[in-house]
N, C-alpha and C. Protein backbone atom coordinates (compact mmCIF):
# COMPACT_ATOMS: atom_id res chain seq x y z
N MET A 1 104.45 147.37 166.30
CA MET A 1 103.24 146.96 165.59
C MET A 1 102.76 145.62 166.16
N THR A 2 101.47 145.53 166.43
CA THR A 2 100.87 144.30 166.94
C THR A 2 100.19 143.56 165.80
N ILE A 3 100.40 142.26 165.76
CA ILE A 3 99.76 141.42 164.74
C ILE A 3 98.68 140.59 165.41
N ASP A 4 97.45 140.70 164.91
CA ASP A 4 96.33 139.94 165.47
C ASP A 4 96.30 138.57 164.81
N LEU A 5 96.57 137.54 165.57
CA LEU A 5 96.57 136.17 165.05
C LEU A 5 95.23 135.46 165.24
N ASN A 6 94.22 136.20 165.70
CA ASN A 6 92.89 135.62 165.93
C ASN A 6 92.93 134.43 166.87
N THR A 7 93.85 134.44 167.81
CA THR A 7 93.97 133.29 168.70
C THR A 7 92.90 133.28 169.78
N GLY A 8 92.19 134.40 169.95
CA GLY A 8 91.15 134.44 170.98
C GLY A 8 89.76 134.15 170.46
N THR A 9 89.61 133.91 169.18
CA THR A 9 88.29 133.67 168.60
C THR A 9 87.85 132.24 168.89
N THR A 10 86.62 132.10 169.35
CA THR A 10 86.05 130.76 169.56
C THR A 10 84.71 130.69 168.85
N VAL A 11 84.34 129.50 168.46
CA VAL A 11 83.06 129.28 167.80
C VAL A 11 81.96 129.32 168.85
N THR A 12 80.94 130.11 168.59
CA THR A 12 79.82 130.23 169.52
C THR A 12 78.60 129.48 168.98
N GLU A 13 77.61 129.29 169.81
CA GLU A 13 76.37 128.65 169.37
C GLU A 13 75.68 129.48 168.29
N ASP A 14 75.74 130.81 168.40
CA ASP A 14 75.16 131.67 167.38
C ASP A 14 75.86 131.49 166.04
N MET A 15 77.19 131.39 166.08
CA MET A 15 77.95 131.17 164.84
C MET A 15 77.56 129.83 164.22
N LEU A 16 77.46 128.79 165.06
CA LEU A 16 77.08 127.46 164.56
C LEU A 16 75.68 127.49 163.95
N ALA A 17 74.75 128.17 164.60
CA ALA A 17 73.38 128.25 164.09
C ALA A 17 73.35 128.95 162.74
N LYS A 18 74.13 130.02 162.61
CA LYS A 18 74.17 130.75 161.33
C LYS A 18 74.72 129.87 160.22
N VAL A 19 75.77 129.13 160.52
CA VAL A 19 76.36 128.25 159.52
C VAL A 19 75.42 127.08 159.20
N ARG A 20 74.81 126.50 160.23
CA ARG A 20 73.87 125.39 159.98
C ARG A 20 72.72 125.82 159.08
N SER A 21 72.30 127.07 159.20
CA SER A 21 71.20 127.56 158.36
C SER A 21 71.58 127.55 156.88
N ARG A 22 72.87 127.44 156.59
CA ARG A 22 73.34 127.45 155.20
C ARG A 22 73.58 126.05 154.65
N ILE A 23 73.37 125.01 155.46
CA ILE A 23 73.53 123.65 154.96
C ILE A 23 72.56 123.44 153.81
N GLY A 24 73.08 122.90 152.72
CA GLY A 24 72.28 122.68 151.53
C GLY A 24 72.34 123.84 150.54
N GLU A 25 72.87 124.97 150.97
CA GLU A 25 72.99 126.13 150.09
C GLU A 25 73.97 125.83 148.96
N GLU A 26 73.54 126.10 147.76
CA GLU A 26 74.41 125.93 146.60
C GLU A 26 74.63 127.30 145.99
N ALA A 27 75.87 127.59 145.67
CA ALA A 27 76.21 128.91 145.13
C ALA A 27 77.16 128.75 143.95
N PRO A 28 77.03 129.60 142.95
CA PRO A 28 77.98 129.53 141.82
C PRO A 28 79.36 129.99 142.26
N LEU A 29 80.37 129.40 141.66
CA LEU A 29 81.73 129.85 141.87
C LEU A 29 82.00 130.93 140.82
N ASP A 30 82.23 132.14 141.29
CA ASP A 30 82.60 133.20 140.35
C ASP A 30 83.96 133.74 140.77
N SER A 31 84.56 134.51 139.93
CA SER A 31 85.91 135.04 140.18
C SER A 31 86.92 133.91 140.38
N THR A 32 86.75 132.81 139.67
CA THR A 32 87.67 131.69 139.80
C THR A 32 88.96 131.97 139.05
N PHE A 33 89.96 131.14 139.25
CA PHE A 33 91.28 131.38 138.67
C PHE A 33 91.30 131.02 137.19
N ASN A 34 91.08 129.77 136.84
CA ASN A 34 90.99 129.35 135.43
C ASN A 34 89.53 129.16 135.06
N THR A 35 89.12 129.74 133.94
CA THR A 35 87.74 129.61 133.49
C THR A 35 87.64 128.83 132.18
N GLU A 36 88.79 128.51 131.59
CA GLU A 36 88.81 127.75 130.35
C GLU A 36 90.02 126.83 130.37
N ALA A 37 89.83 125.61 129.89
CA ALA A 37 90.94 124.67 129.78
C ALA A 37 91.71 125.02 128.51
N GLN A 38 92.93 125.47 128.67
CA GLN A 38 93.78 125.84 127.55
C GLN A 38 95.07 125.03 127.61
N ARG A 39 95.70 124.87 126.46
CA ARG A 39 96.91 124.06 126.37
C ARG A 39 97.94 124.44 127.44
N ASP A 40 98.21 125.73 127.57
CA ASP A 40 99.25 126.16 128.51
C ASP A 40 98.85 125.96 129.97
N ASN A 41 97.59 126.32 130.33
CA ASN A 41 97.26 126.18 131.75
C ASN A 41 97.11 124.70 132.14
N ILE A 42 96.73 123.83 131.20
CA ILE A 42 96.72 122.39 131.49
C ILE A 42 98.15 121.91 131.72
N ARG A 43 99.06 122.33 130.84
CA ARG A 43 100.48 121.93 130.97
C ARG A 43 101.07 122.47 132.27
N HIS A 44 100.78 123.73 132.58
CA HIS A 44 101.31 124.31 133.82
C HIS A 44 100.81 123.53 135.04
N TRP A 45 99.52 123.18 135.03
CA TRP A 45 98.97 122.43 136.16
C TRP A 45 99.65 121.06 136.26
N ALA A 46 99.72 120.34 135.14
CA ALA A 46 100.31 119.00 135.15
C ALA A 46 101.78 119.06 135.57
N ASP A 47 102.52 120.03 135.07
CA ASP A 47 103.92 120.18 135.47
C ASP A 47 104.02 120.49 136.97
N GLY A 48 103.12 121.35 137.44
CA GLY A 48 103.15 121.76 138.85
C GLY A 48 102.89 120.62 139.81
N ILE A 49 102.07 119.66 139.41
CA ILE A 49 101.79 118.52 140.29
C ILE A 49 102.68 117.32 139.96
N GLY A 50 103.53 117.48 138.94
CA GLY A 50 104.47 116.42 138.59
C GLY A 50 103.85 115.24 137.86
N ASP A 51 102.76 115.48 137.14
CA ASP A 51 102.07 114.41 136.41
C ASP A 51 102.53 114.42 134.95
N LEU A 52 103.25 113.40 134.56
CA LEU A 52 103.85 113.32 133.23
C LEU A 52 102.98 112.60 132.20
N THR A 53 101.73 112.32 132.52
CA THR A 53 100.84 111.62 131.59
C THR A 53 100.80 112.37 130.26
N PRO A 54 101.10 111.71 129.15
CA PRO A 54 101.16 112.41 127.86
C PRO A 54 99.81 112.96 127.37
N LEU A 55 98.71 112.47 127.89
CA LEU A 55 97.40 113.03 127.50
C LEU A 55 97.29 114.52 127.83
N TRP A 56 98.08 114.97 128.82
CA TRP A 56 97.98 116.36 129.27
C TRP A 56 98.83 117.31 128.44
N ASN A 57 99.93 116.81 127.83
CA ASN A 57 100.83 117.76 127.19
C ASN A 57 101.46 117.32 125.87
N ASP A 58 101.17 116.14 125.40
CA ASP A 58 101.73 115.68 124.13
C ASP A 58 100.59 115.63 123.10
N GLU A 59 100.56 116.66 122.24
CA GLU A 59 99.44 116.78 121.30
C GLU A 59 99.32 115.60 120.34
N THR A 60 100.46 115.06 119.88
CA THR A 60 100.41 113.91 118.97
C THR A 60 99.83 112.69 119.69
N TYR A 61 100.30 112.43 120.89
CA TYR A 61 99.79 111.31 121.67
C TYR A 61 98.29 111.49 121.93
N ALA A 62 97.90 112.68 122.35
CA ALA A 62 96.50 112.93 122.68
C ALA A 62 95.61 112.81 121.44
N LYS A 63 96.10 113.29 120.30
CA LYS A 63 95.32 113.21 119.06
C LYS A 63 95.04 111.76 118.67
N ASN A 64 95.97 110.88 118.96
CA ASN A 64 95.81 109.46 118.63
C ASN A 64 95.12 108.66 119.73
N SER A 65 94.74 109.32 120.80
CA SER A 65 94.04 108.64 121.90
C SER A 65 92.54 108.58 121.60
N SER A 66 91.80 107.93 122.45
CA SER A 66 90.34 107.86 122.29
C SER A 66 89.69 109.24 122.46
N HIS A 67 90.40 110.19 123.07
CA HIS A 67 89.85 111.54 123.27
C HIS A 67 90.03 112.41 122.03
N GLY A 68 91.08 112.15 121.25
CA GLY A 68 91.33 112.90 120.03
C GLY A 68 91.90 114.30 120.25
N THR A 69 92.14 114.67 121.48
CA THR A 69 92.68 116.00 121.80
C THR A 69 93.31 115.97 123.18
N LEU A 70 94.06 117.03 123.49
CA LEU A 70 94.59 117.15 124.84
C LEU A 70 93.45 117.22 125.84
N VAL A 71 93.63 116.59 126.97
CA VAL A 71 92.67 116.68 128.06
C VAL A 71 93.42 117.10 129.32
N ALA A 72 92.68 117.56 130.28
CA ALA A 72 93.27 117.99 131.56
C ALA A 72 93.13 116.88 132.59
N PRO A 73 94.09 116.80 133.51
CA PRO A 73 93.90 115.86 134.61
C PRO A 73 92.68 116.27 135.43
N PRO A 74 91.96 115.33 136.00
CA PRO A 74 90.79 115.70 136.80
C PRO A 74 91.10 116.75 137.88
N SER A 75 92.28 116.67 138.46
CA SER A 75 92.64 117.62 139.52
C SER A 75 92.80 119.05 139.00
N PHE A 76 92.80 119.24 137.69
CA PHE A 76 92.88 120.59 137.10
C PHE A 76 91.76 121.48 137.64
N LEU A 77 90.64 120.86 138.01
CA LEU A 77 89.50 121.64 138.52
C LEU A 77 89.85 122.38 139.80
N TYR A 78 90.86 121.92 140.53
CA TYR A 78 91.29 122.69 141.71
C TYR A 78 91.80 124.06 141.30
N SER A 79 92.37 124.18 140.11
CA SER A 79 92.86 125.49 139.65
C SER A 79 91.71 126.38 139.20
N CYS A 80 90.54 125.82 139.06
CA CYS A 80 89.36 126.60 138.67
C CYS A 80 88.51 126.96 139.88
N ASN A 81 88.55 126.13 140.90
CA ASN A 81 87.68 126.28 142.06
C ASN A 81 88.01 127.50 142.91
N GLN A 82 89.24 127.65 143.31
CA GLN A 82 89.59 128.62 144.33
C GLN A 82 89.68 130.06 143.86
N GLY A 83 90.68 130.37 143.14
CA GLY A 83 90.94 131.77 142.83
C GLY A 83 91.60 132.45 144.02
N PRO A 84 92.17 133.61 143.78
CA PRO A 84 92.86 134.32 144.87
C PRO A 84 91.91 134.68 146.00
N ILE A 85 92.39 134.59 147.22
CA ILE A 85 91.56 134.86 148.40
C ILE A 85 91.08 136.31 148.42
N HIS A 86 91.85 137.23 147.81
CA HIS A 86 91.44 138.64 147.85
C HIS A 86 90.15 138.89 147.08
N ARG A 87 89.73 137.93 146.30
CA ARG A 87 88.47 138.11 145.55
C ARG A 87 87.25 137.85 146.41
N GLY A 88 87.45 137.36 147.62
CA GLY A 88 86.34 137.22 148.56
C GLY A 88 85.59 135.92 148.46
N ARG A 89 84.40 135.90 149.06
CA ARG A 89 83.60 134.69 149.23
C ARG A 89 83.31 133.99 147.91
N GLY A 90 83.00 134.73 146.86
CA GLY A 90 82.61 134.11 145.61
C GLY A 90 83.68 133.25 144.98
N SER A 91 84.95 133.52 145.28
CA SER A 91 86.00 132.78 144.62
C SER A 91 86.12 131.34 145.09
N GLY A 92 85.59 131.01 146.23
CA GLY A 92 85.70 129.64 146.70
C GLY A 92 84.50 129.16 147.47
N GLY A 93 83.43 129.92 147.45
CA GLY A 93 82.23 129.50 148.14
C GLY A 93 82.27 129.79 149.62
N PHE A 94 81.69 128.92 150.41
CA PHE A 94 81.52 129.11 151.84
C PHE A 94 82.85 129.37 152.54
N ARG A 95 82.90 130.38 153.38
CA ARG A 95 84.14 130.77 154.04
C ARG A 95 84.24 130.34 155.50
N GLY A 96 83.20 129.88 156.12
CA GLY A 96 83.32 129.38 157.49
C GLY A 96 83.04 130.41 158.55
N PHE A 97 83.85 130.40 159.59
CA PHE A 97 83.61 131.22 160.78
C PHE A 97 84.51 132.45 160.77
N PRO A 98 83.93 133.64 160.98
CA PRO A 98 84.73 134.86 161.03
C PRO A 98 85.79 134.79 162.12
N GLY A 99 86.99 135.22 161.79
CA GLY A 99 88.07 135.24 162.77
C GLY A 99 88.84 133.94 162.88
N LEU A 100 88.39 132.90 162.20
CA LEU A 100 89.09 131.62 162.21
C LEU A 100 89.51 131.29 160.78
N HIS A 101 90.53 130.49 160.66
CA HIS A 101 90.99 130.11 159.34
C HIS A 101 89.92 129.30 158.61
N ARG A 102 89.85 129.50 157.32
CA ARG A 102 88.96 128.70 156.48
C ARG A 102 89.57 127.31 156.37
N PHE A 103 88.73 126.32 156.47
CA PHE A 103 89.22 124.95 156.33
C PHE A 103 88.08 124.06 155.85
N TRP A 104 88.45 122.92 155.35
CA TRP A 104 87.47 121.88 155.08
C TRP A 104 88.16 120.55 155.27
N ALA A 105 87.37 119.58 155.63
CA ALA A 105 87.94 118.28 155.94
C ALA A 105 87.68 117.26 154.83
N ARG A 106 86.73 117.55 153.97
CA ARG A 106 86.40 116.58 152.93
C ARG A 106 85.65 117.28 151.82
N GLU A 107 85.82 116.78 150.65
CA GLU A 107 85.01 117.24 149.53
C GLU A 107 84.81 116.08 148.58
N GLU A 108 83.78 116.18 147.77
CA GLU A 108 83.49 115.13 146.80
C GLU A 108 83.32 115.78 145.44
N TRP A 109 83.85 115.13 144.44
CA TRP A 109 83.73 115.60 143.06
C TRP A 109 83.06 114.49 142.26
N GLU A 110 82.21 114.87 141.34
CA GLU A 110 81.57 113.90 140.45
C GLU A 110 81.92 114.31 139.02
N PHE A 111 82.56 113.40 138.31
CA PHE A 111 83.02 113.68 136.95
C PHE A 111 82.11 112.98 135.95
N PHE A 112 81.68 113.73 134.94
CA PHE A 112 80.79 113.19 133.93
C PHE A 112 81.51 112.94 132.61
N ARG A 113 82.60 113.67 132.38
CA ARG A 113 83.39 113.48 131.16
C ARG A 113 84.74 114.14 131.37
N THR A 114 85.65 113.93 130.41
CA THR A 114 86.98 114.53 130.52
C THR A 114 86.90 116.03 130.25
N ILE A 115 87.89 116.74 130.73
CA ILE A 115 88.03 118.17 130.47
C ILE A 115 88.94 118.31 129.26
N GLN A 116 88.42 118.88 128.18
CA GLN A 116 89.19 119.00 126.95
C GLN A 116 89.57 120.45 126.67
N VAL A 117 90.63 120.62 125.88
CA VAL A 117 91.07 121.96 125.48
C VAL A 117 89.88 122.72 124.91
N GLY A 118 89.69 123.94 125.36
CA GLY A 118 88.59 124.77 124.90
C GLY A 118 87.36 124.72 125.78
N ASP A 119 87.29 123.77 126.69
CA ASP A 119 86.12 123.69 127.58
C ASP A 119 86.07 124.90 128.50
N GLN A 120 84.89 125.48 128.61
CA GLN A 120 84.64 126.54 129.58
C GLN A 120 84.31 125.87 130.91
N ILE A 121 84.87 126.39 131.98
CA ILE A 121 84.69 125.79 133.29
C ILE A 121 83.80 126.68 134.15
N LYS A 122 82.69 126.13 134.61
CA LYS A 122 81.79 126.79 135.54
C LYS A 122 81.47 125.79 136.62
N GLY A 123 81.25 126.27 137.82
CA GLY A 123 80.97 125.33 138.89
C GLY A 123 80.12 125.94 139.98
N THR A 124 79.68 125.09 140.86
CA THR A 124 78.94 125.52 142.04
C THR A 124 79.57 124.85 143.25
N THR A 125 79.29 125.40 144.40
CA THR A 125 79.74 124.83 145.65
C THR A 125 78.53 124.69 146.56
N LYS A 126 78.58 123.70 147.42
CA LYS A 126 77.43 123.45 148.30
C LYS A 126 77.94 123.00 149.66
N LEU A 127 77.43 123.63 150.70
CA LEU A 127 77.74 123.21 152.06
C LEU A 127 76.81 122.04 152.37
N ALA A 128 77.38 120.85 152.51
CA ALA A 128 76.57 119.65 152.69
C ALA A 128 76.32 119.31 154.16
N ASP A 129 77.30 119.60 155.02
CA ASP A 129 77.17 119.18 156.40
C ASP A 129 78.22 119.88 157.25
N ILE A 130 78.02 119.86 158.54
CA ILE A 130 79.01 120.34 159.49
C ILE A 130 79.18 119.25 160.53
N VAL A 131 80.41 118.87 160.77
CA VAL A 131 80.73 117.89 161.80
C VAL A 131 81.60 118.60 162.82
N GLU A 132 81.12 118.67 164.05
CA GLU A 132 81.84 119.39 165.09
C GLU A 132 82.94 118.52 165.70
N HIS A 133 84.08 119.16 165.98
CA HIS A 133 85.19 118.53 166.67
C HIS A 133 85.73 119.53 167.69
N LYS A 134 86.21 119.05 168.80
CA LYS A 134 86.87 119.92 169.77
C LYS A 134 88.21 120.34 169.20
N SER A 135 88.56 121.61 169.44
CA SER A 135 89.79 122.15 168.88
C SER A 135 90.39 123.18 169.82
N SER A 136 91.71 123.23 169.87
CA SER A 136 92.36 124.27 170.65
C SER A 136 92.30 125.61 169.92
N LEU A 137 92.03 125.58 168.62
CA LEU A 137 91.95 126.81 167.83
C LEU A 137 90.63 127.52 168.04
N GLY A 138 89.52 126.84 167.84
CA GLY A 138 88.22 127.49 167.90
C GLY A 138 87.29 126.99 168.98
N GLY A 139 87.76 126.10 169.82
CA GLY A 139 86.93 125.56 170.88
C GLY A 139 86.13 124.36 170.44
N THR A 140 85.27 124.54 169.45
CA THR A 140 84.50 123.42 168.89
C THR A 140 84.50 123.54 167.39
């Protein structure tokens, strides 16, 4: 059995032009992994990243805080953004170049308030820019 590692794929000018045409495109994130902040998934996320802040998992502490309830760490949104890759493009937005691994070098998040238990999570993704670099993987 032969395994195709996509090692022969290179980025072409046509591929770059197609991707550049999508700069500024904003798309909803659908088929995401977590769609609601719940006590258990907040705790699972915090435990998974090793964050022991009591606001995430101690209901008594959180109730007596300025928030009055459990809140999620800001990074909890990573568990909402992606979703399983088998769900396709909608689960994480822009997928990049066919035949090459999906990657990104930077992202920016803007937070307006804390994520509290019971909050429904919806989001959008936007391709803001493309910065070309030479690469042994894709050529450019």
